[in-house]
C-alpha atoms as a PDB file:
ATOM      1  CA  UNK A   1     -73.388   4.929  42.251  1.00  0.00           C
ATOM      2  CA  UNK A   2     -74.976   4.405  45.656  1.00  0.00           C
ATOM      3  CA  UNK A   3     -78.618   5.700  45.716  1.00  0.00           C
ATOM      4  CA  UNK A   4     -79.311   8.619  47.934  1.00  0.00           C
ATOM      5  CA  UNK A   5     -82.976   9.461  48.897  1.00  0.00           C
ATOM      6  CA  UNK A   6     -84.644  11.910  51.175  1.00  0.00           C
ATOM      7  CA  UNK A   7     -87.725  12.723  53.157  1.00  0.00           C
ATOM      8  CA  UNK A   8     -88.379  16.420  53.327  1.00  0.00           C
ATOM      9  CA  UNK A   9     -91.356  17.457  55.621  1.00  0.00           C
ATOM     10  CA  UNK A  10     -92.379  20.987  56.377  1.00  0.00           C
ATOM     11  CA  UNK A  11     -92.715  21.715  60.070  1.00  0.00           C
ATOM     12  CA  UNK A  12     -96.254  22.981  59.858  1.00  0.00           C
ATOM     13  CA  UNK A  13     -97.581  20.314  62.257  1.00  0.00           C
ATOM     14  CA  UNK A  14     -96.971  16.770  63.338  1.00  0.00           C
ATOM     15  CA  UNK A  15     -96.835  13.915  60.834  1.00  0.00           C
ATOM     16  CA  UNK A  16    -100.097  12.502  59.658  1.00  0.00           C
ATOM     17  CA  UNK A  17    -100.716   9.144  57.888  1.00  0.00           C
ATOM     18  CA  UNK A  18    -100.170  10.654  54.401  1.00  0.00           C
ATOM     19  CA  UNK A  19     -96.707  11.822  55.452  1.00  0.00           C
ATOM     20  CA  UNK A  20     -95.904   8.480  56.999  1.00  0.00           C
ATOM     21  CA  UNK A  21     -96.839   6.728  53.608  1.00  0.00           C
ATOM     22  CA  UNK A  22     -94.375   8.982  51.799  1.00  0.00           C
ATOM     23  CA  UNK A  23     -91.655   8.569  54.300  1.00  0.00           C
ATOM     24  CA  UNK A  24     -92.023   4.818  54.408  1.00  0.00           C
ATOM     25  CA  UNK A  25     -92.051   4.386  50.610  1.00  0.00           C
ATOM     26  CA  UNK A  26     -88.990   6.605  50.193  1.00  0.00           C
ATOM     27  CA  UNK A  27     -87.149   4.719  53.038  1.00  0.00           C
ATOM     28  CA  UNK A  28     -87.969   1.338  51.610  1.00  0.00           C
ATOM     29  CA  UNK A  29     -86.999   2.191  47.998  1.00  0.00           C
ATOM     30  CA  UNK A  30     -83.642   3.402  49.166  1.00  0.00           C
ATOM     31  CA  UNK A  31     -82.819   0.788  51.780  1.00  0.00           C
ATOM     32  CA  UNK A  32     -83.827  -2.041  49.368  1.00  0.00           C
ATOM     33  CA  UNK A  33     -80.963  -0.933  47.229  1.00  0.00           C
ATOM     34  CA  UNK A  34     -78.611  -0.365  50.154  1.00  0.00           C
ATOM     35  CA  UNK A  35     -78.564   3.402  49.651  1.00  0.00           C
ATOM     36  CA  UNK A  36     -78.404   6.347  52.072  1.00  0.00           C
ATOM     37  CA  UNK A  37     -81.674   8.015  53.311  1.00  0.00           C
ATOM     38  CA  UNK A  38     -81.625  11.518  54.483  1.00  0.00           C
ATOM     39  CA  UNK A  39     -84.052  13.817  56.235  1.00  0.00           C
ATOM     40  CA  UNK A  40     -84.399  17.542  55.421  1.00  0.00           C
ATOM     41  CA  UNK A  41     -86.668  19.932  57.293  1.00  0.00           C
ATOM     42  CA  UNK A  42     -88.131  22.458  54.860  1.00  0.00           C
ATOM     43  CA  UNK A  43     -88.579  25.338  57.226  1.00  0.00           C
ATOM     44  CA  UNK A  44     -88.667  28.109  54.645  1.00  0.00           C
ATOM     45  CA  UNK A  45     -91.966  29.684  55.660  1.00  0.00           C
ATOM     46  CA  UNK A  46     -91.936  30.834  59.283  1.00  0.00           C
ATOM     47  CA  UNK A  47     -95.475  32.198  59.343  1.00  0.00           C
ATOM     48  CA  UNK A  48     -96.817  28.731  58.630  1.00  0.00           C
ATOM     49  CA  UNK A  49     -94.534  26.755  60.948  1.00  0.00           C
ATOM     50  CA  UNK A  50     -95.669  25.377  64.256  1.00  0.00           C
ATOM     51  CA  UNK A  51     -93.372  25.597  67.295  1.00  0.00           C
ATOM     52  CA  UNK A  52     -91.842  22.288  68.173  1.00  0.00           C
ATOM     53  CA  UNK A  53     -93.112  20.587  65.033  1.00  0.00           C
ATOM     54  CA  UNK A  54     -89.610  19.723  63.662  1.00  0.00           C
ATOM     55  CA  UNK A  55     -88.629  17.911  66.853  1.00  0.00           C
ATOM     56  CA  UNK A  56     -92.008  16.188  66.905  1.00  0.00           C
ATOM     57  CA  UNK A  57     -91.503  15.009  63.317  1.00  0.00           C
ATOM     58  CA  UNK A  58     -88.064  13.560  64.056  1.00  0.00           C
ATOM     59  CA  UNK A  59     -89.256  11.757  67.125  1.00  0.00           C
ATOM     60  CA  UNK A  60     -92.076  10.284  65.187  1.00  0.00           C
ATOM     61  CA  UNK A  61     -89.778   8.928  62.484  1.00  0.00           C
ATOM     62  CA  UNK A  62     -87.654   7.394  65.081  1.00  0.00           C
ATOM     63  CA  UNK A  63     -90.673   5.851  66.813  1.00  0.00           C
ATOM     64  CA  UNK A  64     -91.581   4.206  63.487  1.00  0.00           C
ATOM     65  CA  UNK A  65     -88.092   2.874  63.060  1.00  0.00           C
ATOM     66  CA  UNK A  66     -87.317   5.136  60.037  1.00  0.00           C
ATOM     67  CA  UNK A  67     -83.763   6.075  60.952  1.00  0.00           C
ATOM     68  CA  UNK A  68     -81.907   8.429  58.592  1.00  0.00           C
ATOM     69  CA  UNK A  69     -78.249   8.785  57.705  1.00  0.00           C
ATOM     70  CA  UNK A  70     -76.064  11.795  58.632  1.00  0.00           C
ATOM     71  CA  UNK A  71     -77.348  15.006  60.138  1.00  0.00           C
ATOM     72  CA  UNK A  72     -80.714  16.550  59.583  1.00  0.00           C
ATOM     73  CA  UNK A  73     -80.561  19.455  57.242  1.00  0.00           C
ATOM     74  CA  UNK A  74     -82.626  22.690  57.841  1.00  0.00           C
ATOM     75  CA  UNK A  75     -83.506  24.881  54.923  1.00  0.00           C
ATOM     76  CA  UNK A  76     -83.629  27.897  57.246  1.00  0.00           C
ATOM     77  CA  UNK A  77     -79.785  27.655  57.627  1.00  0.00           C
ATOM     78  CA  UNK A  78     -79.067  27.503  53.927  1.00  0.00           C
ATOM     79  CA  UNK A  79     -80.170  30.913  52.557  1.00  0.00           C
ATOM     80  CA  UNK A  80     -76.718  31.761  51.265  1.00  0.00           C
ATOM     81  CA  UNK A  81     -76.961  28.719  48.939  1.00  0.00           C
ATOM     82  CA  UNK A  82     -80.310  29.857  47.513  1.00  0.00           C
ATOM     83  CA  UNK A  83     -79.161  33.370  47.115  1.00  0.00           C
ATOM     84  CA  UNK A  84     -76.125  32.181  45.079  1.00  0.00           C
ATOM     85  CA  UNK A  85     -78.343  30.193  42.803  1.00  0.00           C
ATOM     86  CA  UNK A  86     -80.796  33.131  42.436  1.00  0.00           C
ATOM     87  CA  UNK A  87     -77.832  35.334  41.484  1.00  0.00           C
ATOM     88  CA  UNK A  88     -76.654  32.839  38.900  1.00  0.00           C
ATOM     89  CA  UNK A  89     -80.054  32.715  37.299  1.00  0.00           C
ATOM     90  CA  UNK A  90     -80.295  36.485  37.205  1.00  0.00           C
ATOM     91  CA  UNK A  91     -76.873  36.801  35.676  1.00  0.00           C
ATOM     92  CA  UNK A  92     -77.920  34.345  32.877  1.00  0.00           C
ATOM     93  CA  UNK A  93     -81.082  36.445  32.335  1.00  0.00           C
ATOM     94  CA  UNK A  94     -83.293  33.445  33.019  1.00  0.00           C
ATOM     95  CA  UNK A  95     -85.483  35.240  35.632  1.00  0.00           C
ATOM     96  CA  UNK A  96     -87.270  38.456  35.900  1.00  0.00           C
ATOM     97  CA  UNK A  97     -88.921  40.600  38.612  1.00  0.00           C
ATOM     98  CA  UNK A  98     -92.639  40.530  39.117  1.00  0.00           C
ATOM     99  CA  UNK A  99     -94.675  42.771  41.384  1.00  0.00           C
ATOM    100  CA  UNK A 100     -98.177  41.290  40.574  1.00  0.00           C
ATOM    101  CA  UNK A 101    -100.430  41.043  43.512  1.00  0.00           C
ATOM    102  CA  UNK A 102    -102.649  37.982  44.112  1.00  0.00           C
ATOM    103  CA  UNK A 103    -105.693  39.951  43.140  1.00  0.00           C
ATOM    104  CA  UNK A 104    -104.051  41.028  39.874  1.00  0.00           C
ATOM    105  CA  UNK A 105    -103.059  37.552  39.058  1.00  0.00           C
ATOM    106  CA  UNK A 106    -106.572  36.216  39.712  1.00  0.00           C
ATOM    107  CA  UNK A 107    -108.160  38.884  37.551  1.00  0.00           C
ATOM    108  CA  UNK A 108    -105.737  38.773  34.581  1.00  0.00           C
ATOM    109  CA  UNK A 109    -104.321  35.253  34.588  1.00  0.00           C
ATOM    110  CA  UNK A 110    -107.297  32.861  34.486  1.00  0.00           C
ATOM    111  CA  UNK A 111    -105.361  30.400  32.320  1.00  0.00           C
ATOM    112  CA  UNK A 112    -101.961  30.767  34.002  1.00  0.00           C
ATOM    113  CA  UNK A 113     -99.472  33.628  34.317  1.00  0.00           C
ATOM    114  CA  UNK A 114     -99.597  35.968  31.177  1.00  0.00           C
ATOM    115  CA  UNK A 115     -96.061  37.327  31.267  1.00  0.00           C
ATOM    116  CA  UNK A 116     -97.285  40.819  32.168  1.00  0.00           C
ATOM    117  CA  UNK A 117     -94.160  41.826  34.127  1.00  0.00           C
ATOM    118  CA  UNK A 118     -91.826  40.548  31.445  1.00  0.00           C
ATOM    119  CA  UNK A 119     -93.479  42.887  29.001  1.00  0.00           C
ATOM    120  CA  UNK A 120     -93.922  45.705  31.552  1.00  0.00           C
ATOM    121  CA  UNK A 121     -90.876  45.489  33.898  1.00  0.00           C
ATOM    122  CA  UNK A 122     -91.498  46.976  37.401  1.00  0.00           C
ATOM    123  CA  UNK A 123     -89.863  50.431  38.032  1.00  0.00           C
ATOM    124  CA  UNK A 124     -88.364  49.170  41.240  1.00  0.00           C
ATOM    125  CA  UNK A 125     -87.317  45.801  42.647  1.00  0.00           C
ATOM    126  CA  UNK A 126     -88.849  46.585  46.024  1.00  0.00           C
ATOM    127  CA  UNK A 127     -91.542  44.072  46.928  1.00  0.00           C
ATOM    128  CA  UNK A 128     -90.855  42.095  43.817  1.00  0.00           C
ATOM    129  CA  UNK A 129     -90.887  38.296  43.297  1.00  0.00           C
ATOM    130  CA  UNK A 130     -88.675  36.709  40.734  1.00  0.00           C
ATOM    131  CA  UNK A 131     -90.027  34.318  38.086  1.00  0.00           C
ATOM    132  CA  UNK A 132     -88.156  31.992  35.806  1.00  0.00           C
ATOM    133  CA  UNK A 133     -89.079  32.059  32.112  1.00  0.00           C
ATOM    134  CA  UNK A 134     -90.425  28.644  31.028  1.00  0.00           C
ATOM    135  CA  UNK A 135     -89.946  27.880  27.354  1.00  0.00           C
ATOM    136  CA  UNK A 136     -92.978  27.098  25.254  1.00  0.00           C
ATOM    137  CA  UNK A 137     -93.555  23.651  23.874  1.00  0.00           C
ATOM    138  CA  UNK A 138     -93.888  20.108  25.149  1.00  0.00           C
ATOM    139  CA  UNK A 139     -91.857  18.882  28.141  1.00  0.00           C
ATOM    140  CA  UNK A 140     -92.029  15.329  29.526  1.00  0.00           C
ATOM    141  CA  UNK A 141     -90.245  13.152  32.087  1.00  0.00           C
ATOM    142  CA  UNK A 142     -90.558   9.416  32.930  1.00  0.00           C
ATOM    143  CA  UNK A 143     -91.979   8.745  36.463  1.00  0.00           C
ATOM    144  CA  UNK A 144     -90.920   5.455  38.001  1.00  0.00           C
ATOM    145  CA  UNK A 145     -94.486   4.862  39.229  1.00  0.00           C
ATOM    146  CA  UNK A 146     -96.774   7.042  37.154  1.00  0.00           C
ATOM    147  CA  UNK A 147     -95.047   6.495  33.808  1.00  0.00           C
ATOM    148  CA  UNK A 148     -94.540   9.188  31.143  1.00  0.00           C
ATOM    149  CA  UNK A 149     -95.820  12.599  32.155  1.00  0.00           C
ATOM    150  CA  UNK A 150     -96.217  15.265  29.440  1.00  0.00           C
ATOM    151  CA  UNK A 151     -96.758  18.994  29.756  1.00  0.00           C
ATOM    152  CA  UNK A 152     -97.635  21.578  27.223  1.00  0.00           C
ATOM    153  CA  UNK A 153     -96.584  25.140  27.842  1.00  0.00           C
ATOM    154  CA  UNK A 154     -98.044  28.105  25.959  1.00  0.00           C
ATOM    155  CA  UNK A 155     -97.160  31.740  26.387  1.00  0.00           C
ATOM    156  CA  UNK A 156     -95.905  32.401  29.847  1.00  0.00           C
ATOM    157  CA  UNK A 157     -98.231  30.020  31.707  1.00  0.00           C
ATOM    158  CA  UNK A 158     -95.205  27.966  32.762  1.00  0.00           C
ATOM    159  CA  UNK A 159     -93.319  30.853  34.300  1.00  0.00           C
ATOM    160  CA  UNK A 160     -92.983  30.257  38.058  1.00  0.00           C
ATOM    161  CA  UNK A 161     -91.830  32.057  41.113  1.00  0.00           C
ATOM    162  CA  UNK A 162     -88.437  31.214  42.750  1.00  0.00           C
ATOM    163  CA  UNK A 163     -88.187  34.269  45.092  1.00  0.00           C
ATOM    164  CA  UNK A 164     -91.434  35.607  46.793  1.00  0.00           C
ATOM    165  CA  UNK A 165     -92.642  39.206  47.139  1.00  0.00           C
ATOM    166  CA  UNK A 166     -92.442  38.792  50.943  1.00  0.00           C
ATOM    167  CA  UNK A 167     -88.685  38.177  50.737  1.00  0.00           C
ATOM    168  CA  UNK A 168     -88.739  34.358  51.197  1.00  0.00           C
ATOM    169  CA  UNK A 169     -87.166  31.932  48.843  1.00  0.00           C
ATOM    170  CA  UNK A 170     -89.745  29.788  47.094  1.00  0.00           C
ATOM    171  CA  UNK A 171     -89.943  25.969  47.461  1.00  0.00           C
ATOM    172  CA  UNK A 172     -88.984  25.424  43.806  1.00  0.00           C
ATOM    173  CA  UNK A 173     -85.556  26.952  44.111  1.00  0.00           C
ATOM    174  CA  UNK A 174     -84.644  25.677  47.458  1.00  0.00           C
ATOM    175  CA  UNK A 175     -85.601  22.073  46.836  1.00  0.00           C
ATOM    176  CA  UNK A 176     -83.572  21.959  43.649  1.00  0.00           C
ATOM    177  CA  UNK A 177     -80.470  23.545  45.301  1.00  0.00           C
ATOM    178  CA  UNK A 178     -80.712  21.206  48.316  1.00  0.00           C
ATOM    179  CA  UNK A 179     -81.226  18.099  46.271  1.00  0.00           C
ATOM    180  CA  UNK A 180     -78.123  18.911  44.213  1.00  0.00           C
ATOM    181  CA  UNK A 181     -76.021  19.893  47.236  1.00  0.00           C
ATOM    182  CA  UNK A 182     -76.971  16.776  49.084  1.00  0.00           C
ATOM    183  CA  UNK A 183     -76.402  14.524  46.070  1.00  0.00           C
ATOM    184  CA  UNK A 184     -79.844  13.149  45.908  1.00  0.00           C
ATOM    185  CA  UNK A 185     -80.275  10.601  43.155  1.00  0.00           C
ATOM    186  CA  UNK A 186     -83.834   9.353  43.816  1.00  0.00           C
ATOM    187  CA  UNK A 187     -86.892  11.411  44.790  1.00  0.00           C
ATOM    188  CA  UNK A 188     -89.882   9.453  45.857  1.00  0.00           C
ATOM    189  CA  UNK A 189     -92.803  11.633  47.118  1.00  0.00           C
ATOM    190  CA  UNK A 190     -96.523  12.232  46.978  1.00  0.00           C
ATOM    191  CA  UNK A 191     -98.354  12.778  43.715  1.00  0.00           C
ATOM    192  CA  UNK A 192     -99.502  16.229  44.890  1.00  0.00           C
ATOM    193  CA  UNK A 193     -95.973  17.430  43.879  1.00  0.00           C
ATOM    194  CA  UNK A 194     -95.831  15.563  40.510  1.00  0.00           C
ATOM    195  CA  UNK A 195     -96.781  18.749  38.537  1.00  0.00           C
ATOM    196  CA  UNK A 196     -93.943  20.703  40.187  1.00  0.00           C
ATOM    197  CA  UNK A 197     -91.439  18.323  38.708  1.00  0.00           C
ATOM    198  CA  UNK A 198     -91.166  19.987  35.231  1.00  0.00           C
ATOM    199  CA  UNK A 199     -90.173  23.210  36.824  1.00  0.00           C
ATOM    200  CA  UNK A 200     -87.584  21.498  38.990  1.00  0.00           C
ATOM    201  CA  UNK A 201     -86.200  19.763  35.987  1.00  0.00           C
ATOM    202  CA  UNK A 202     -85.940  23.149  34.196  1.00  0.00           C
ATOM    203  CA  UNK A 203     -84.050  24.707  37.142  1.00  0.00           C
ATOM    204  CA  UNK A 204     -81.687  21.723  37.342  1.00  0.00           C
ATOM    205  CA  UNK A 205     -80.849  22.258  33.674  1.00  0.00           C
ATOM    206  CA  UNK A 206     -80.359  26.021  34.027  1.00  0.00           C
ATOM    207  CA  UNK A 207     -78.062  25.543  37.080  1.00  0.00           C
ATOM    208  CA  UNK A 208     -76.055  22.665  35.636  1.00  0.00           C
ATOM    209  CA  UNK A 209     -77.207  20.167  38.217  1.00  0.00           C
ATOM    210  CA  UNK A 210     -77.489  16.376  37.725  1.00  0.00           C
ATOM    211  CA  UNK A 211     -81.243  15.335  37.409  1.00  0.00           C
ATOM    212  CA  UNK A 212     -82.457  12.704  39.914  1.00  0.00           C
ATOM    213  CA  UNK A 213     -84.996  10.078  39.150  1.00  0.00           C
ATOM    214  CA  UNK A 214     -88.600  10.808  40.123  1.00  0.00           C
ATOM    215  CA  UNK A 215     -91.386   8.533  41.496  1.00  0.00           C
ATOM    216  CA  UNK A 216     -94.752   9.789  42.806  1.00  0.00           C
ATOM    217  CA  UNK A 217     -96.924   7.600  45.070  1.00  0.00           C
ATOM    218  CA  UNK A 218    -100.717   8.148  45.320  1.00  0.00           C
ATOM    219  CA  UNK A 219    -101.759  10.681  47.974  1.00  0.00           C
ATOM    220  CA  UNK A 220    -104.228   9.392  50.546  1.00  0.00           C
ATOM    221  CA  UNK A 221    -107.654  11.053  50.750  1.00  0.00           C
ATOM    222  CA  UNK A 222    -110.173  11.251  53.564  1.00  0.00           C
ATOM    223  CA  UNK A 223    -113.859  10.344  53.512  1.00  0.00           C
ATOM    224  CA  UNK A 224    -114.617  13.623  51.811  1.00  0.00           C
ATOM    225  CA  UNK A 225    -112.165  12.957  49.025  1.00  0.00           C
ATOM    226  CA  UNK A 226    -109.721  15.576  50.316  1.00  0.00           C
ATOM    227  CA  UNK A 227    -105.948  14.872  50.447  1.00  0.00           C
ATOM    228  CA  UNK A 228    -104.792  14.156  54.003  1.00  0.00           C
ATOM    229  CA  UNK A 229    -103.029  17.289  55.131  1.00  0.00           C
ATOM    230  CA  UNK A 230    -102.438  19.471  58.075  1.00  0.00           C
ATOM    231  CA  UNK A 231    -104.747  22.181  56.470  1.00  0.00           C
ATOM    232  CA  UNK A 232    -107.535  19.428  56.262  1.00  0.00           C
ATOM    233  CA  UNK A 233    -106.936  18.627  59.906  1.00  0.00           C
ATOM    234  CA  UNK A 234    -105.541  15.184  59.323  1.00  0.00           C
ATOM    235  CA  UNK A 235    -104.818  13.658  62.732  1.00  0.00           C
ATOM    236  CA  UNK A 236    -101.302  13.165  64.014  1.00  0.00           C
ATOM    237  CA  UNK A 237     -99.991   9.627  64.064  1.00  0.00           C
ATOM    238  CA  UNK A 238     -98.710   8.104  67.191  1.00  0.00           C
ATOM    239  CA  UNK A 239     -95.817   5.617  67.777  1.00  0.00           C
ATOM    240  CA  UNK A 240     -98.208   3.573  70.021  1.00  0.00           C
ATOM    241  CA  UNK A 241     -99.971   2.366  66.844  1.00  0.00           C
ATOM    242  CA  UNK A 242     -96.939   1.921  64.622  1.00  0.00           C
ATOM    243  CA  UNK A 243     -97.476  -1.761  63.782  1.00  0.00           C
ATOM    244  CA  UNK A 244    -100.996  -1.209  62.662  1.00  0.00           C
ATOM    245  CA  UNK A 245    -100.148   1.939  60.546  1.00  0.00           C
ATOM    246  CA  UNK A 246     -97.118   0.392  59.046  1.00  0.00           C
ATOM    247  CA  UNK A 247     -98.985  -2.611  57.926  1.00  0.00           C
ATOM    248  CA  UNK A 248    -101.798  -0.401  56.639  1.00  0.00           C
ATOM    249  CA  UNK A 249     -99.277   1.748  54.702  1.00  0.00           C
ATOM    250  CA  UNK A 250     -97.580  -1.385  53.121  1.00  0.00           C
ATOM    251  CA  UNK A 251    -100.959  -2.602  51.961  1.00  0.00           C
ATOM    252  CA  UNK A 252    -101.871   0.671  50.440  1.00  0.00           C
ATOM    253  CA  UNK A 253     -98.384   0.703  48.705  1.00  0.00           C
ATOM    254  CA  UNK A 254     -99.277  -2.660  47.141  1.00  0.00           C
ATOM    255  CA  UNK A 255     -96.700  -4.625  49.085  1.00  0.00           C
ATOM    256  CA  UNK A 256     -99.072  -7.272  50.478  1.00  0.00           C
ATOM    257  CA  UNK A 257     -97.507  -8.044  53.882  1.00  0.00           C
ATOM    258  CA  UNK A 258     -98.458 -11.554  55.239  1.00  0.00           C
ATOM    259  CA  UNK A 259    -100.883 -11.754  58.094  1.00  0.00           C
ATOM    260  CA  UNK A 260     -98.206 -13.336  60.425  1.00  0.00           C
ATOM    261  CA  UNK A 261     -96.489  -9.952  60.352  1.00  0.00           C
ATOM    262  CA  UNK A 262     -99.290  -8.526  62.555  1.00  0.00           C
ATOM    263  CA  UNK A 263     -97.404  -9.935  65.535  1.00  0.00           C
ATOM    264  CA  UNK A 264     -93.961  -8.795  64.343  1.00  0.00           C
ATOM    265  CA  UNK A 265     -91.837  -6.057  65.921  1.00  0.00           C
ATOM    266  CA  UNK A 266     -91.316  -2.750  64.167  1.00  0.00           C
ATOM    267  CA  UNK A 267     -87.793  -3.848  63.255  1.00  0.00           C
ATOM    268  CA  UNK A 268     -88.929  -7.154  61.923  1.00  0.00           C
ATOM    269  CA  UNK A 269     -91.755  -5.559  59.885  1.00  0.00           C
ATOM    270  CA  UNK A 270     -89.382  -3.054  58.241  1.00  0.00           C
ATOM    271  CA  UNK A 271     -86.846  -5.731  57.608  1.00  0.00           C
ATOM    272  CA  UNK A 272     -89.441  -7.738  55.741  1.00  0.00           C
ATOM    273  CA  UNK A 273     -90.558  -4.673  53.862  1.00  0.00           C
ATOM    274  CA  UNK A 274     -87.046  -3.873  52.710  1.00  0.00           C
ATOM    275  CA  UNK A 275     -86.406  -7.306  51.438  1.00  0.00           C
ATOM    276  CA  UNK A 276     -89.739  -7.539  49.593  1.00  0.00           C
ATOM    277  CA  UNK A 277     -90.068  -4.060  48.341  1.00  0.00           C
ATOM    278  CA  UNK A 278     -91.226  -3.787  44.731  1.00  0.00           C
ATOM    279  CA  UNK A 279     -91.876  -0.336  43.395  1.00  0.00           C
ATOM    280  CA  UNK A 280     -93.780  -1.956  40.443  1.00  0.00           C
ATOM    281  CA  UNK A 281     -96.537  -3.023  42.879  1.00  0.00           C
ATOM    282  CA  UNK A 282     -97.235   0.584  43.978  1.00  0.00           C
ATOM    283  CA  UNK A 283    -100.646   1.634  42.493  1.00  0.00           C
ATOM    284  CA  UNK A 284    -100.256   3.792  39.452  1.00  0.00           C
ATOM    285  CA  UNK A 285    -103.027   6.246  40.384  1.00  0.00           C
ATOM    286  CA  UNK A 286    -102.676   9.800  41.779  1.00  0.00           C
ATOM    287  CA  UNK A 287    -104.855   9.235  44.840  1.00  0.00           C
ATOM    288  CA  UNK A 288    -106.213   6.455  46.994  1.00  0.00           C
ATOM    289  CA  UNK A 289    -108.897   6.541  49.756  1.00  0.00           C
ATOM    290  CA  UNK A 290    -107.564   6.015  53.284  1.00  0.00           C
ATOM    291  CA  UNK A 291    -110.090   3.221  54.030  1.00  0.00           C
ATOM    292  CA  UNK A 292    -111.159   1.869  57.412  1.00  0.00           C
ATOM    293  CA  UNK A 293    -108.953   2.321  60.392  1.00  0.00           C
END
């Protein structure tokens, strides 16, 4: 089977270096195996989106030579697919309504959600989220970079939201539906999402989807130890510094590019990286400092 990977940014701002690292690693891992690499814009949360960010993200990927296959998919155009999956889960009695406010959750659920709405169903479905019941016990998966990951669920602490109180589909449901519909076989992304994987595996099982392989690279942190993110005001990257940033990303990914590549073109640099990609060289830690510019 031909590998199919994807890069799926949210259009809440321009790409920063942490995003480039994830895009590059996913791209190399798929291209090294002659697979297809897709781009999906995860525009599910309009209040958080920045006008023009989607276009800026795509232009930045092109400037760095990270060209994708096929058409770009936008989650905002796929609500009917998510609604169908939600209906399937409701029909199977695998989800239940929840009208807990954030204040109630903070006050009552210090150790995770306590299953209150499963025991006390809301009188109306108005302004309700929908949660998936997570079975108790141990769950694990094998990460291609981080190794065996094990999770212990007790009570209802693993129950998670797939449809929000504000009427928006949650990330967990949308990403699982899209990965299945697009035939994604390999997911390589930042370790900030590693603990979401068990929930996605559960949804895939419930919905009868094939389960892709997962690999999580370290997230990059700033001088204060914070993950590079738009919320932490990580600076946008520019195509004018693509050689420098690509070489820096390759070094952080453990790929050890030779010094002569400092004079290479973007195409030459990426071709070398594809030929010499080894996922086993990626550091098996959850975070790495960005280091000097």
